[in-house]
């Protein structure tokens, strides 16, 4: 299976499957969002990307929810991860 190429106007979802994006400076997130938007993409973020515990992670259930939600959303044409 080969997905189609991303096109300007496509929605791309950013999820954070390992660490919370709360550790990133807002300026870094803005730069990344602006670069993706400059390529013509509509950028959205997973529901739990900023949620964190004392280890700056989210629960496994929250990470799975963001991943499943991104794959199930018919409007999302690409998924980017903030951390691996």
Protein backbone atom coordinates (compact mmCIF):
# COMPACT_ATOMS: atom_id res chain seq x y z
CA UNK A 1 0.00 0.00 0.00
CA UNK A 2 1.42 3.33 -1.04
CA UNK A 3 -0.35 6.44 0.29
CA UNK A 4 -0.84 9.42 -1.98
CA UNK A 5 1.55 12.33 -1.66
CA UNK A 6 0.61 15.15 0.65
CA UNK A 7 -0.90 18.12 -1.16
CA UNK A 8 -1.24 21.77 -0.13
CA UNK A 9 -4.39 22.10 1.95
CA UNK A 10 -4.06 18.63 3.48
CA UNK A 11 -4.44 18.30 7.22
CA UNK A 12 -1.41 16.94 9.05
CA UNK A 13 -1.64 15.90 12.70
CA UNK A 14 1.23 16.21 15.17
CA UNK A 15 1.24 13.67 17.98
CA UNK A 16 3.75 13.03 20.74
CA UNK A 17 4.00 9.26 21.28
CA UNK A 18 6.81 9.30 23.84
CA UNK A 19 7.33 12.62 25.63
CA UNK A 20 5.07 15.58 26.18
CA UNK A 21 5.47 18.61 23.95
CA UNK A 22 5.33 20.62 27.19
CA UNK A 23 9.13 20.35 27.31
CA UNK A 24 9.41 22.30 24.06
CA UNK A 25 9.56 26.04 24.02
CA UNK A 26 6.48 27.62 22.47
CA UNK A 27 8.74 29.39 19.97
CA UNK A 28 10.04 26.01 18.70
CA UNK A 29 6.50 24.74 18.18
CA UNK A 30 5.55 27.97 16.40
CA UNK A 31 8.54 27.69 14.05
CA UNK A 32 7.64 24.09 13.16
CA UNK A 33 3.95 24.93 12.67
CA UNK A 34 4.81 27.94 10.52
CA UNK A 35 7.11 25.87 8.32
CA UNK A 36 4.46 23.24 7.76
CA UNK A 37 1.84 25.89 7.07
CA UNK A 38 4.22 27.59 4.62
CA UNK A 39 4.21 24.29 2.70
CA UNK A 40 0.44 24.63 2.51
CA UNK A 41 -0.60 22.16 5.20
CA UNK A 42 -3.34 22.61 7.77
CA UNK A 43 -1.64 21.65 11.06
CA UNK A 44 -3.52 20.14 14.00
CA UNK A 45 -2.27 18.61 17.24
CA UNK A 46 -3.30 15.55 19.21
CA UNK A 47 -5.50 16.14 22.23
CA UNK A 48 -2.81 15.06 24.71
CA UNK A 49 0.41 16.48 23.23
CA UNK A 50 0.83 18.96 26.10
CA UNK A 51 -0.39 16.71 28.92
CA UNK A 52 2.40 15.53 31.19
CA UNK A 53 3.29 13.85 34.44
CA UNK A 54 6.34 14.35 36.66
CA UNK A 55 8.49 12.66 33.98
CA UNK A 56 7.10 14.87 31.16
CA UNK A 57 5.34 11.95 29.57
CA UNK A 58 1.69 11.12 29.07
CA UNK A 59 -0.07 7.92 29.99
CA UNK A 60 0.05 5.04 27.54
CA UNK A 61 -3.71 5.31 27.13
CA UNK A 62 -3.48 9.00 26.18
CA UNK A 63 -0.71 8.36 23.66
CA UNK A 64 -2.67 5.50 22.11
CA UNK A 65 -5.79 7.65 21.99
CA UNK A 66 -3.96 10.39 20.06
CA UNK A 67 -2.49 7.83 17.65
CA UNK A 68 -5.79 6.06 17.02
CA UNK A 69 -7.68 9.33 16.68
CA UNK A 70 -5.21 10.56 14.08
CA UNK A 71 -5.47 7.36 12.03
CA UNK A 72 -9.26 7.25 12.27
CA UNK A 73 -9.79 10.89 11.26
CA UNK A 74 -10.53 10.84 7.51
CA UNK A 75 -9.40 14.48 7.22
CA UNK A 76 -5.86 13.70 8.45
CA UNK A 77 -3.64 12.92 5.49
CA UNK A 78 -0.30 12.80 7.33
CA UNK A 79 0.92 12.19 10.88
CA UNK A 80 4.07 13.73 12.33
CA UNK A 81 5.59 12.81 15.67
CA UNK A 82 7.12 15.41 17.96
CA UNK A 83 9.46 12.86 19.58
CA UNK A 84 10.41 9.29 18.93
